[in-house]
Amino acid sequence: MAERTRADRFLRWRGGWAKARPWRGHGDIAYLALSSGGVDAEIPGRCVDSLRERGYRSVVTGALAPADALPFLDSGFTVRERLDLLAHDMRSIPRPSRRTRRLRRSDTAAVLFVDRLAFDEEWRLDAAGFDDAIDATPSARVRVAEEHDSIIGYSVTGRAGRRGYLQRVAVHPSAQRNGWGLELVADALCWLERRGVARTMVNTQMGNDPARQLYLACGFEVLPVGLCVLERDL
């Protein structure tokens, strides 16, 4: 039985890697994260074999682009959920009008509490998932929003070269529709702009209209091809 709680980079190949950890505290279900691009036909089989050796009985992937998903679909994986993918060309970005601050180590419990209230059960982050979101890109920034000395929102922004990623944006339900989502997105885009990012990506669940409208209001455009989360029994 798998006992790891942090992601274990268990497989490497030229131009890519695969990580795994227990999914949402289920020791027999693996959460499989992959580097973007370069998934050859033999990679899914190698992942499956390695996960079986680690005691997992099923696997759920992170969000995959179509080119990366295809080899897994050919290897017996099925689509668990489809996601909208949006992009920002960084030509005209909103400017924040309220201050956020850097995450402190002592903030983690409060941030995860906000996350738990902001997302449905399928998409909530635990501590390991929060760490994975921060570690997903070479450079990352975490900001929190406060009202009356209480954390009511946060964002995780990542950067890889000239590509930016909104990894996570969450606002406490009691503070939603008060502009904090826009503030957190604007803060993230300004940080990425200062670092020369040319394009920023974000994904959201299909049917999550509030998130979709927020990103559209901030200048993102929905791309014709989205992402998908896959699953398979081992």
C-alpha atoms as a PDB file:
ATOM      1  CA  MET A   1       0.000   0.000   0.000  1.00  0.00           C
ATOM      2  CA  ALA A   2       1.330   3.437  -0.922  1.00  0.00           C
ATOM      3  CA  GLU A   3       2.217   5.588   2.068  1.00  0.00           C
ATOM      4  CA  ARG A   4       3.570   8.762   0.479  1.00  0.00           C
ATOM      5  CA  THR A   5       1.742  12.043   0.928  1.00  0.00           C
ATOM      6  CA  ARG A   6       3.991  14.280  -1.195  1.00  0.00           C
ATOM      7  CA  ALA A   7       4.387  13.717  -4.905  1.00  0.00           C
ATOM      8  CA  ASP A   8       7.068  11.169  -5.794  1.00  0.00           C
ATOM      9  CA  ARG A   9       8.785  11.761  -9.144  1.00  0.00           C
ATOM     10  CA  PHE A  10       8.924   8.071  -9.915  1.00  0.00           C
ATOM     11  CA  LEU A  11       9.513   8.124 -13.678  1.00  0.00           C
ATOM     12  CA  ARG A  12      11.697  10.215 -15.946  1.00  0.00           C
ATOM     13  CA  TRP A  13      12.227  10.256 -19.677  1.00  0.00           C
ATOM     14  CA  ARG A  14      13.897  12.589 -22.091  1.00  0.00           C
ATOM     15  CA  GLY A  15      11.994  15.851 -21.872  1.00  0.00           C
ATOM     16  CA  GLY A  16       9.536  14.786 -19.197  1.00  0.00           C
ATOM     17  CA  TRP A  17       8.629  13.184 -15.890  1.00  0.00           C
ATOM     18  CA  ALA A  18       5.741  11.629 -13.977  1.00  0.00           C
ATOM     19  CA  LYS A  19       4.874  12.174 -10.296  1.00  0.00           C
ATOM     20  CA  ALA A  20       2.435  10.289  -8.109  1.00  0.00           C
ATOM     21  CA  ARG A  21       0.922  10.564  -4.638  1.00  0.00           C
ATOM     22  CA  PRO A  22      -2.204   9.206  -2.950  1.00  0.00           C
ATOM     23  CA  TRP A  23      -5.323  10.950  -4.254  1.00  0.00           C
ATOM     24  CA  ARG A  24      -7.227  12.848  -1.564  1.00  0.00           C
ATOM     25  CA  GLY A  25      -5.965  10.603   1.212  1.00  0.00           C
ATOM     26  CA  HIS A  26      -6.953   7.356  -0.532  1.00  0.00           C
ATOM     27  CA  GLY A  27      -3.885   5.162  -0.241  1.00  0.00           C
ATOM     28  CA  ASP A  28      -4.928   2.859  -3.082  1.00  0.00           C
ATOM     29  CA  ILE A  29      -5.740   5.615  -5.611  1.00  0.00           C
ATOM     30  CA  ALA A  30      -2.848   7.426  -7.287  1.00  0.00           C
ATOM     31  CA  TYR A  31      -2.904  11.023  -8.429  1.00  0.00           C
ATOM     32  CA  LEU A  32      -0.665  11.137 -11.508  1.00  0.00           C
ATOM     33  CA  ALA A  33       0.928  14.441 -12.510  1.00  0.00           C
ATOM     34  CA  LEU A  34       2.892  14.757 -15.742  1.00  0.00           C
ATOM     35  CA  SER A  35       5.179  17.369 -17.207  1.00  0.00           C
ATOM     36  CA  SER A  36       3.641  19.103 -20.200  1.00  0.00           C
ATOM     37  CA  GLY A  37       4.459  17.685 -23.615  1.00  0.00           C
ATOM     38  CA  GLY A  38       6.578  14.803 -24.839  1.00  0.00           C
ATOM     39  CA  VAL A  39       4.415  11.838 -23.779  1.00  0.00           C
ATOM     40  CA  ASP A  40       5.466   8.934 -26.008  1.00  0.00           C
ATOM     41  CA  ALA A  41       3.350   5.846 -26.647  1.00  0.00           C
ATOM     42  CA  GLU A  42       5.194   3.711 -24.096  1.00  0.00           C
ATOM     43  CA  ILE A  43       4.899   6.189 -21.199  1.00  0.00           C
ATOM     44  CA  PRO A  44       1.359   5.237 -20.066  1.00  0.00           C
ATOM     45  CA  GLY A  45       2.300   1.565 -19.793  1.00  0.00           C
ATOM     46  CA  ARG A  46       5.408   2.415 -17.792  1.00  0.00           C
ATOM     47  CA  CYS A  47       3.318   4.596 -15.481  1.00  0.00           C
ATOM     48  CA  VAL A  48       0.756   1.845 -14.970  1.00  0.00           C
ATOM     49  CA  ASP A  49       3.425  -0.759 -14.185  1.00  0.00           C
ATOM     50  CA  SER A  50       5.205   1.533 -11.733  1.00  0.00           C
ATOM     51  CA  LEU A  51       1.979   2.507  -9.952  1.00  0.00           C
ATOM     52  CA  ARG A  52       0.978  -1.130  -9.581  1.00  0.00           C
ATOM     53  CA  GLU A  53       4.362  -1.879  -8.036  1.00  0.00           C
ATOM     54  CA  ARG A  54       3.710   0.905  -5.515  1.00  0.00           C
ATOM     55  CA  GLY A  55       0.465  -0.731  -4.387  1.00  0.00           C
ATOM     56  CA  TYR A  56      -2.055   1.498  -6.145  1.00  0.00           C
ATOM     57  CA  ARG A  57      -5.257  -0.016  -7.528  1.00  0.00           C
ATOM     58  CA  SER A  58      -6.490   2.892  -9.650  1.00  0.00           C
ATOM     59  CA  VAL A  59      -5.216   6.239 -10.931  1.00  0.00           C
ATOM     60  CA  VAL A  60      -6.546   9.727 -11.639  1.00  0.00           C
ATOM     61  CA  THR A  61      -4.458  12.075 -13.784  1.00  0.00           C
ATOM     62  CA  GLY A  62      -4.014  15.789 -13.592  1.00  0.00           C
ATOM     63  CA  ALA A  63      -5.438  17.972 -16.381  1.00  0.00           C
ATOM     64  CA  LEU A  64      -3.916  16.910 -19.703  1.00  0.00           C
ATOM     65  CA  ALA A  65      -3.764  18.605 -23.095  1.00  0.00           C
ATOM     66  CA  PRO A  66      -5.145  16.538 -25.987  1.00  0.00           C
ATOM     67  CA  ALA A  67      -1.703  15.555 -27.328  1.00  0.00           C
ATOM     68  CA  ASP A  68      -0.649  14.274 -23.900  1.00  0.00           C
ATOM     69  CA  ALA A  69      -3.987  12.573 -23.218  1.00  0.00           C
ATOM     70  CA  LEU A  70      -4.094  10.569 -26.456  1.00  0.00           C
ATOM     71  CA  PRO A  71      -1.422   7.966 -25.538  1.00  0.00           C
ATOM     72  CA  PHE A  72      -3.199   7.371 -22.219  1.00  0.00           C
ATOM     73  CA  LEU A  73      -6.586   6.970 -23.911  1.00  0.00           C
ATOM     74  CA  ASP A  74      -4.994   4.463 -26.275  1.00  0.00           C
ATOM     75  CA  SER A  75      -3.727   2.569 -23.201  1.00  0.00           C
ATOM     76  CA  GLY A  76      -7.119   2.065 -21.573  1.00  0.00           C
ATOM     77  CA  PHE A  77      -7.620   5.316 -19.653  1.00  0.00           C
ATOM     78  CA  THR A  78     -11.042   6.972 -19.861  1.00  0.00           C
ATOM     79  CA  VAL A  79     -12.178  10.584 -19.510  1.00  0.00           C
ATOM     80  CA  ARG A  80     -13.236  11.470 -15.978  1.00  0.00           C
ATOM     81  CA  GLU A  81     -13.874  15.187 -16.577  1.00  0.00           C
ATOM     82  CA  ARG A  82     -13.383  17.792 -19.285  1.00  0.00           C
ATOM     83  CA  LEU A  83     -12.109  21.301 -18.533  1.00  0.00           C
ATOM     84  CA  ASP A  84     -12.239  24.639 -20.293  1.00  0.00           C
ATOM     85  CA  LEU A  85      -8.831  26.116 -21.137  1.00  0.00           C
ATOM     86  CA  LEU A  86      -8.451  29.880 -21.339  1.00  0.00           C
ATOM     87  CA  ALA A  87      -5.519  32.030 -22.438  1.00  0.00           C
ATOM     88  CA  HIS A  88      -4.500  35.674 -21.919  1.00  0.00           C
ATOM     89  CA  ASP A  89      -2.234  37.389 -24.465  1.00  0.00           C
ATOM     90  CA  MET A  90      -1.000  39.876 -21.801  1.00  0.00           C
ATOM     91  CA  ARG A  91      -1.661  42.875 -24.050  1.00  0.00           C
ATOM     92  CA  SER A  92      -4.180  44.549 -21.771  1.00  0.00           C
ATOM     93  CA  ILE A  93      -4.415  43.399 -18.182  1.00  0.00           C
ATOM     94  CA  PRO A  94      -6.480  44.678 -15.245  1.00  0.00           C
ATOM     95  CA  ARG A  95      -4.705  46.495 -12.429  1.00  0.00           C
ATOM     96  CA  PRO A  96      -5.319  45.600  -8.781  1.00  0.00           C
ATOM     97  CA  SER A  97      -6.796  48.280  -6.549  1.00  0.00           C
ATOM     98  CA  ARG A  98      -6.584  46.416  -3.247  1.00  0.00           C
ATOM     99  CA  ARG A  99      -3.550  44.980  -1.527  1.00  0.00           C
ATOM    100  CA  THR A 100      -2.721  41.346  -1.124  1.00  0.00           C
ATOM    101  CA  ARG A 101       0.230  39.955   0.776  1.00  0.00           C
ATOM    102  CA  ARG A 102       2.668  37.078   0.611  1.00  0.00           C
ATOM    103  CA  LEU A 103       1.662  33.740   2.100  1.00  0.00           C
ATOM    104  CA  ARG A 104       3.123  32.988   5.528  1.00  0.00           C
ATOM    105  CA  ARG A 105       3.747  29.459   6.720  1.00  0.00           C
ATOM    106  CA  SER A 106       1.174  29.985   9.459  1.00  0.00           C
ATOM    107  CA  ASP A 107      -1.484  30.804   6.825  1.00  0.00           C
ATOM    108  CA  THR A 108      -1.700  27.311   5.347  1.00  0.00           C
ATOM    109  CA  ALA A 109      -4.594  26.033   7.466  1.00  0.00           C
ATOM    110  CA  ALA A 110      -6.660  29.163   6.791  1.00  0.00           C
ATOM    111  CA  VAL A 111      -5.930  28.971   3.048  1.00  0.00           C
ATOM    112  CA  LEU A 112      -6.993  25.319   2.895  1.00  0.00           C
ATOM    113  CA  PHE A 113     -10.172  26.202   4.806  1.00  0.00           C
ATOM    114  CA  VAL A 114     -11.036  28.811   2.166  1.00  0.00           C
ATOM    115  CA  ASP A 115     -10.239  26.316  -0.575  1.00  0.00           C
ATOM    116  CA  ARG A 116     -12.528  23.713   0.981  1.00  0.00           C
ATOM    117  CA  LEU A 117     -15.435  26.166   1.008  1.00  0.00           C
ATOM    118  CA  ALA A 118     -14.760  27.588  -2.458  1.00  0.00           C
ATOM    119  CA  PHE A 119     -14.634  24.293  -4.390  1.00  0.00           C
ATOM    120  CA  ASP A 120     -16.745  21.187  -4.520  1.00  0.00           C
ATOM    121  CA  GLU A 121     -15.331  17.970  -3.104  1.00  0.00           C
ATOM    122  CA  GLU A 122     -13.876  16.750  -6.389  1.00  0.00           C
ATOM    123  CA  TRP A 123     -11.601  19.788  -6.721  1.00  0.00           C
ATOM    124  CA  ARG A 124     -10.634  20.704  -3.158  1.00  0.00           C
ATOM    125  CA  LEU A 125      -6.941  20.767  -2.309  1.00  0.00           C
ATOM    126  CA  ASP A 126      -5.435  19.050   0.684  1.00  0.00           C
ATOM    127  CA  ALA A 127      -2.027  20.064   2.038  1.00  0.00           C
ATOM    128  CA  ALA A 128      -0.188  17.805  -0.420  1.00  0.00           C
ATOM    129  CA  GLY A 129      -2.196  19.146  -3.362  1.00  0.00           C
ATOM    130  CA  PHE A 130      -1.495  22.710  -2.284  1.00  0.00           C
ATOM    131  CA  ASP A 131       2.242  21.979  -2.210  1.00  0.00           C
ATOM    132  CA  ASP A 132       1.991  20.348  -5.643  1.00  0.00           C
ATOM    133  CA  ALA A 133       0.286  23.446  -7.078  1.00  0.00           C
ATOM    134  CA  ILE A 134       3.174  25.595  -5.853  1.00  0.00           C
ATOM    135  CA  ASP A 135       5.827  23.146  -7.077  1.00  0.00           C
ATOM    136  CA  ALA A 136       4.255  22.633 -10.526  1.00  0.00           C
ATOM    137  CA  THR A 137       6.309  25.402 -12.169  1.00  0.00           C
ATOM    138  CA  PRO A 138       9.931  26.544 -11.793  1.00  0.00           C
ATOM    139  CA  SER A 139       8.796  29.868 -10.309  1.00  0.00           C
ATOM    140  CA  ALA A 140       5.666  30.430  -8.219  1.00  0.00           C
ATOM    141  CA  ARG A 141       3.969  33.122  -6.155  1.00  0.00           C
ATOM    142  CA  VAL A 142       1.269  32.719  -3.512  1.00  0.00           C
ATOM    143  CA  ARG A 143      -0.778  35.706  -2.360  1.00  0.00           C
ATOM    144  CA  VAL A 144      -3.561  35.993   0.197  1.00  0.00           C
ATOM    145  CA  ALA A 145      -6.388  38.502   0.516  1.00  0.00           C
ATOM    146  CA  GLU A 146      -7.598  39.622   3.944  1.00  0.00           C
ATOM    147  CA  GLU A 147     -10.610  41.354   5.445  1.00  0.00           C
ATOM    148  CA  HIS A 148     -10.737  42.214   9.154  1.00  0.00           C
ATOM    149  CA  ASP A 149      -7.526  40.229   9.738  1.00  0.00           C
ATOM    150  CA  SER A 150      -9.056  37.044   8.281  1.00  0.00           C
ATOM    151  CA  ILE A 151      -7.932  35.363   5.074  1.00  0.00           C
ATOM    152  CA  ILE A 152     -10.803  35.413   2.578  1.00  0.00           C
ATOM    153  CA  GLY A 153      -8.983  34.436  -0.619  1.00  0.00           C
ATOM    154  CA  TYR A 154      -5.730  33.331  -2.167  1.00  0.00           C
ATOM    155  CA  SER A 155      -4.018  32.679  -5.479  1.00  0.00           C
ATOM    156  CA  VAL A 156      -1.172  30.511  -6.724  1.00  0.00           C
ATOM    157  CA  THR A 157       0.581  31.815  -9.834  1.00  0.00           C
ATOM    158  CA  GLY A 158       3.272  29.916 -11.717  1.00  0.00           C
ATOM    159  CA  ARG A 159       5.780  30.792 -14.401  1.00  0.00           C
ATOM    160  CA  ALA A 160       7.847  28.668 -16.765  1.00  0.00           C
ATOM    161  CA  GLY A 161       9.921  30.799 -19.104  1.00  0.00           C
ATOM    162  CA  ARG A 162       7.576  33.181 -20.926  1.00  0.00           C
ATOM    163  CA  ARG A 163       4.473  31.136 -20.103  1.00  0.00           C
ATOM    164  CA  GLY A 164       2.348  31.954 -17.071  1.00  0.00           C
ATOM    165  CA  TYR A 165      -0.194  29.828 -15.215  1.00  0.00           C
ATOM    166  CA  LEU A 166      -2.990  30.671 -12.811  1.00  0.00           C
ATOM    167  CA  GLN A 167      -2.724  27.502 -10.778  1.00  0.00           C
ATOM    168  CA  ARG A 168      -5.385  28.349  -8.209  1.00  0.00           C
ATOM    169  CA  VAL A 169      -7.753  31.193  -7.324  1.00  0.00           C
ATOM    170  CA  ALA A 170     -10.154  30.772  -4.398  1.00  0.00           C
ATOM    171  CA  VAL A 171     -12.397  33.198  -2.522  1.00  0.00           C
ATOM    172  CA  HIS A 172     -14.427  32.468   0.624  1.00  0.00           C
ATOM    173  CA  PRO A 173     -18.158  32.265  -0.275  1.00  0.00           C
ATOM    174  CA  SER A 174     -18.957  35.132   2.111  1.00  0.00           C
ATOM    175  CA  ALA A 175     -16.565  37.390   0.189  1.00  0.00           C
ATOM    176  CA  GLN A 176     -17.526  36.349  -3.332  1.00  0.00           C
ATOM    177  CA  ARG A 177     -19.067  38.890  -5.706  1.00  0.00           C
ATOM    178  CA  ASN A 178     -17.145  41.624  -3.860  1.00  0.00           C
ATOM    179  CA  GLY A 179     -14.369  41.936  -6.416  1.00  0.00           C
ATOM    180  CA  TRP A 180     -11.736  39.840  -4.657  1.00  0.00           C
ATOM    181  CA  GLY A 181     -11.521  37.267  -7.432  1.00  0.00           C
ATOM    182  CA  LEU A 182     -10.717  40.008  -9.930  1.00  0.00           C
ATOM    183  CA  GLU A 183      -8.163  41.517  -7.535  1.00  0.00           C
ATOM    184  CA  LEU A 184      -6.326  38.216  -7.139  1.00  0.00           C
ATOM    185  CA  VAL A 185      -6.298  37.554 -10.890  1.00  0.00           C
ATOM    186  CA  ALA A 186      -5.136  41.120 -11.632  1.00  0.00           C
ATOM    187  CA  ASP A 187      -2.352  40.821  -9.061  1.00  0.00           C
ATOM    188  CA  ALA A 188      -1.226  37.545 -10.662  1.00  0.00           C
ATOM    189  CA  LEU A 189      -1.237  38.968 -14.183  1.00  0.00           C
ATOM    190  CA  CYS A 190       0.741  42.050 -13.135  1.00  0.00           C
ATOM    191  CA  TRP A 191       3.385  39.856 -11.504  1.00  0.00           C
ATOM    192  CA  LEU A 192       3.666  37.766 -14.661  1.00  0.00           C
ATOM    193  CA  GLU A 193       3.801  40.869 -16.869  1.00  0.00           C
ATOM    194  CA  ARG A 194       6.743  42.248 -14.887  1.00  0.00           C
ATOM    195  CA  ARG A 195       8.615  39.007 -15.581  1.00  0.00           C
ATOM    196  CA  GLY A 196       8.149  39.127 -19.319  1.00  0.00           C
ATOM    197  CA  VAL A 197       5.435  36.497 -19.642  1.00  0.00           C
ATOM    198  CA  ALA A 198       3.869  36.519 -23.114  1.00  0.00           C
ATOM    199  CA  ARG A 199       0.885  34.231 -22.503  1.00  0.00           C
ATOM    200  CA  THR A 200      -0.957  33.067 -19.398  1.00  0.00           C
ATOM    201  CA  MET A 201      -3.131  29.981 -19.120  1.00  0.00           C
ATOM    202  CA  VAL A 202      -5.886  28.942 -16.729  1.00  0.00           C
ATOM    203  CA  ASN A 203      -8.350  26.063 -16.708  1.00  0.00           C
ATOM    204  CA  THR A 204     -11.694  25.623 -15.027  1.00  0.00           C
ATOM    205  CA  GLN A 205     -14.458  23.045 -14.863  1.00  0.00           C
ATOM    206  CA  MET A 206     -16.931  23.086 -17.706  1.00  0.00           C
ATOM    207  CA  GLY A 207     -20.106  24.605 -16.324  1.00  0.00           C
ATOM    208  CA  ASN A 208     -18.314  26.702 -13.697  1.00  0.00           C
ATOM    209  CA  ASP A 209     -19.866  29.890 -15.028  1.00  0.00           C
ATOM    210  CA  PRO A 210     -18.728  32.223 -12.183  1.00  0.00           C
ATOM    211  CA  ALA A 211     -15.067  31.293 -12.751  1.00  0.00           C
ATOM    212  CA  ARG A 212     -15.443  31.484 -16.510  1.00  0.00           C
ATOM    213  CA  GLN A 213     -17.029  34.948 -16.318  1.00  0.00           C
ATOM    214  CA  LEU A 214     -14.292  36.148 -13.963  1.00  0.00           C
ATOM    215  CA  TYR A 215     -11.542  35.108 -16.351  1.00  0.00           C
ATOM    216  CA  LEU A 216     -13.344  36.570 -19.363  1.00  0.00           C
ATOM    217  CA  ALA A 217     -13.750  39.859 -17.484  1.00  0.00           C
ATOM    218  CA  CYS A 218      -9.986  39.890 -16.879  1.00  0.00           C
ATOM    219  CA  GLY A 219      -9.191  39.504 -20.587  1.00  0.00           C
ATOM    220  CA  PHE A 220      -8.864  35.733 -20.983  1.00  0.00           C
ATOM    221  CA  GLU A 221     -10.304  33.987 -24.041  1.00  0.00           C
ATOM    222  CA  VAL A 222     -11.672  30.450 -24.153  1.00  0.00           C
ATOM    223  CA  LEU A 223      -9.600  28.225 -26.412  1.00  0.00           C
ATOM    224  CA  PRO A 224     -11.357  25.853 -28.838  1.00  0.00           C
ATOM    225  CA  VAL A 225      -9.585  22.815 -27.376  1.00  0.00           C
ATOM    226  CA  GLY A 226      -9.772  22.146 -23.651  1.00  0.00           C
ATOM    227  CA  LEU A 227      -8.143  19.748 -21.192  1.00  0.00           C
ATOM    228  CA  CYS A 228      -9.283  16.486 -19.678  1.00  0.00           C
ATOM    229  CA  VAL A 229      -8.755  14.494 -16.490  1.00  0.00           C
ATOM    230  CA  LEU A 230      -8.393  10.752 -17.051  1.00  0.00           C
ATOM    231  CA  GLU A 231      -8.782   7.688 -14.851  1.00  0.00           C
ATOM    232  CA  ARG A 232      -8.135   3.965 -14.967  1.00  0.00           C
ATOM    233  CA  ASP A 233      -8.259   0.876 -12.791  1.00  0.00           C
ATOM    234  CA  LEU A 234      -4.882  -0.795 -12.339  1.00  0.00           C
END
